[in-house]
């Protein structure tokens, strides 16, 4: 999972030290071999109590390649039919105007 900010009005964050202006993607990988491992980390994230450990990888990067053994995975909630996806961030690539 890649994240550049907090979710749900700062109540839940996969990457609590992310900075939307640093020009980097925050990458969070959860290695869950079973439902118990998944739920443990899920509830830790939900209550902002998760730590980097044997089931969690966290890194900052400018780009990432995702490779899958099969074509049935999701990226940001969207189904992906490719076995490889390359994602890169363009720092200051989007101008946003607010009132």
C-alpha atoms as a PDB file:
ATOM      1  CA  UNK A   1       0.000   0.000   0.000  1.00  0.00           C
ATOM      2  CA  UNK A   2       1.289   3.438  -0.803  1.00  0.00           C
ATOM      3  CA  UNK A   3       0.115   6.449   1.130  1.00  0.00           C
ATOM      4  CA  UNK A   4       0.911  10.149   1.131  1.00  0.00           C
ATOM      5  CA  UNK A   5      -1.139  11.261   4.073  1.00  0.00           C
ATOM      6  CA  UNK A   6      -3.500  10.442   6.859  1.00  0.00           C
ATOM      7  CA  UNK A   7      -6.922   8.951   6.298  1.00  0.00           C
ATOM      8  CA  UNK A   8     -10.283   9.515   7.902  1.00  0.00           C
ATOM      9  CA  UNK A   9      -9.523  13.023   9.175  1.00  0.00           C
ATOM     10  CA  UNK A  10      -6.267  12.063  10.902  1.00  0.00           C
ATOM     11  CA  UNK A  11      -7.946   9.325  12.935  1.00  0.00           C
ATOM     12  CA  UNK A  12      -6.181   6.505  11.105  1.00  0.00           C
ATOM     13  CA  UNK A  13      -2.877   6.434   9.250  1.00  0.00           C
ATOM     14  CA  UNK A  14      -0.953   3.646   7.631  1.00  0.00           C
ATOM     15  CA  UNK A  15       2.101   5.912   7.460  1.00  0.00           C
ATOM     16  CA  UNK A  16       1.902   8.263  10.453  1.00  0.00           C
ATOM     17  CA  UNK A  17       5.199   9.975   9.546  1.00  0.00           C
ATOM     18  CA  UNK A  18       4.253  10.692   5.944  1.00  0.00           C
ATOM     19  CA  UNK A  19       4.653  14.170   4.519  1.00  0.00           C
ATOM     20  CA  UNK A  20       2.572  15.089   1.468  1.00  0.00           C
ATOM     21  CA  UNK A  21       5.127  17.746   0.471  1.00  0.00           C
ATOM     22  CA  UNK A  22       8.352  15.670   0.619  1.00  0.00           C
ATOM     23  CA  UNK A  23       8.072  14.395  -2.968  1.00  0.00           C
ATOM     24  CA  UNK A  24       8.107  10.742  -1.924  1.00  0.00           C
ATOM     25  CA  UNK A  25       5.678   7.859  -1.763  1.00  0.00           C
ATOM     26  CA  UNK A  26       5.250   6.134   1.571  1.00  0.00           C
ATOM     27  CA  UNK A  27       5.120   2.394   0.916  1.00  0.00           C
ATOM     28  CA  UNK A  28       3.555   0.044   3.449  1.00  0.00           C
ATOM     29  CA  UNK A  29       3.740  -3.710   2.894  1.00  0.00           C
ATOM     30  CA  UNK A  30       1.891  -6.106   5.167  1.00  0.00           C
ATOM     31  CA  UNK A  31       3.076  -9.702   5.120  1.00  0.00           C
ATOM     32  CA  UNK A  32       0.136 -11.671   6.469  1.00  0.00           C
ATOM     33  CA  UNK A  33       0.298 -15.431   6.150  1.00  0.00           C
ATOM     34  CA  UNK A  34      -3.091 -15.903   7.770  1.00  0.00           C
ATOM     35  CA  UNK A  35      -6.164 -13.991   8.891  1.00  0.00           C
ATOM     36  CA  UNK A  36      -4.891 -13.663  12.480  1.00  0.00           C
ATOM     37  CA  UNK A  37      -1.725 -11.837  11.346  1.00  0.00           C
ATOM     38  CA  UNK A  38      -3.761  -9.608   9.036  1.00  0.00           C
ATOM     39  CA  UNK A  39      -6.328  -8.693  11.691  1.00  0.00           C
ATOM     40  CA  UNK A  40      -3.644  -8.022  14.303  1.00  0.00           C
ATOM     41  CA  UNK A  41      -1.946  -5.402  12.126  1.00  0.00           C
ATOM     42  CA  UNK A  42      -5.293  -4.084  10.807  1.00  0.00           C
ATOM     43  CA  UNK A  43      -6.517  -3.263  14.321  1.00  0.00           C
ATOM     44  CA  UNK A  44      -3.136  -1.787  15.244  1.00  0.00           C
ATOM     45  CA  UNK A  45      -3.444   0.539  12.234  1.00  0.00           C
ATOM     46  CA  UNK A  46      -7.042   1.369  13.121  1.00  0.00           C
ATOM     47  CA  UNK A  47      -5.968   2.544  16.580  1.00  0.00           C
ATOM     48  CA  UNK A  48      -2.622   4.061  15.463  1.00  0.00           C
ATOM     49  CA  UNK A  49      -0.629   1.477  17.448  1.00  0.00           C
ATOM     50  CA  UNK A  50       1.227  -0.298  14.626  1.00  0.00           C
ATOM     51  CA  UNK A  51       4.984  -0.636  14.621  1.00  0.00           C
ATOM     52  CA  UNK A  52       7.510  -1.798  12.065  1.00  0.00           C
ATOM     53  CA  UNK A  53       8.110  -5.480  12.735  1.00  0.00           C
ATOM     54  CA  UNK A  54       8.411  -8.872  11.066  1.00  0.00           C
ATOM     55  CA  UNK A  55       5.011  -8.509   9.345  1.00  0.00           C
ATOM     56  CA  UNK A  56       5.397  -4.863   8.283  1.00  0.00           C
ATOM     57  CA  UNK A  57       7.716  -3.105   5.845  1.00  0.00           C
ATOM     58  CA  UNK A  58       7.661   0.688   5.592  1.00  0.00           C
ATOM     59  CA  UNK A  59       9.803   2.766   3.237  1.00  0.00           C
ATOM     60  CA  UNK A  60       9.889   6.095   1.388  1.00  0.00           C
ATOM     61  CA  UNK A  61      10.683   6.152  -2.325  1.00  0.00           C
ATOM     62  CA  UNK A  62      10.237   8.112  -5.541  1.00  0.00           C
ATOM     63  CA  UNK A  63       9.065   5.052  -7.481  1.00  0.00           C
ATOM     64  CA  UNK A  64       8.047   1.450  -7.003  1.00  0.00           C
ATOM     65  CA  UNK A  65       7.489  -1.623  -9.159  1.00  0.00           C
ATOM     66  CA  UNK A  66       4.828  -4.095  -8.093  1.00  0.00           C
ATOM     67  CA  UNK A  67       5.114  -7.609  -9.472  1.00  0.00           C
ATOM     68  CA  UNK A  68       2.554 -10.331  -8.867  1.00  0.00           C
ATOM     69  CA  UNK A  69       2.617 -14.067  -9.513  1.00  0.00           C
ATOM     70  CA  UNK A  70      -0.984 -13.770 -10.689  1.00  0.00           C
ATOM     71  CA  UNK A  71      -3.192 -11.078 -12.181  1.00  0.00           C
ATOM     72  CA  UNK A  72      -5.657 -10.857  -9.307  1.00  0.00           C
ATOM     73  CA  UNK A  73      -4.520  -7.974  -7.110  1.00  0.00           C
ATOM     74  CA  UNK A  74      -5.692  -4.445  -6.306  1.00  0.00           C
ATOM     75  CA  UNK A  75      -3.945  -1.073  -6.361  1.00  0.00           C
ATOM     76  CA  UNK A  76      -5.630   1.634  -4.305  1.00  0.00           C
ATOM     77  CA  UNK A  77      -8.848  -0.391  -4.366  1.00  0.00           C
ATOM     78  CA  UNK A  78      -8.837  -0.878  -8.141  1.00  0.00           C
ATOM     79  CA  UNK A  79      -8.483  -4.290  -9.777  1.00  0.00           C
ATOM     80  CA  UNK A  80      -5.265  -4.708 -11.744  1.00  0.00           C
ATOM     81  CA  UNK A  81      -5.045  -7.189 -14.603  1.00  0.00           C
ATOM     82  CA  UNK A  82      -1.308  -6.814 -15.202  1.00  0.00           C
ATOM     83  CA  UNK A  83       1.461  -8.846 -13.566  1.00  0.00           C
ATOM     84  CA  UNK A  84       3.729  -5.797 -13.227  1.00  0.00           C
ATOM     85  CA  UNK A  85       2.956  -2.163 -12.468  1.00  0.00           C
ATOM     86  CA  UNK A  86       5.487   0.696 -12.297  1.00  0.00           C
ATOM     87  CA  UNK A  87       4.472   3.707 -10.206  1.00  0.00           C
ATOM     88  CA  UNK A  88       6.433   6.929  -9.949  1.00  0.00           C
ATOM     89  CA  UNK A  89       5.760  10.229  -8.275  1.00  0.00           C
ATOM     90  CA  UNK A  90       6.194  13.539 -10.045  1.00  0.00           C
ATOM     91  CA  UNK A  91       7.099  16.033  -7.299  1.00  0.00           C
ATOM     92  CA  UNK A  92       4.994  19.196  -7.652  1.00  0.00           C
ATOM     93  CA  UNK A  93       3.341  17.588 -10.691  1.00  0.00           C
ATOM     94  CA  UNK A  94      -0.165  18.656  -9.680  1.00  0.00           C
ATOM     95  CA  UNK A  95      -1.201  22.209  -8.921  1.00  0.00           C
ATOM     96  CA  UNK A  96      -4.182  22.516  -6.600  1.00  0.00           C
ATOM     97  CA  UNK A  97      -5.997  25.787  -6.016  1.00  0.00           C
ATOM     98  CA  UNK A  98      -8.193  26.247  -2.976  1.00  0.00           C
ATOM     99  CA  UNK A  99     -10.413  29.176  -2.064  1.00  0.00           C
END
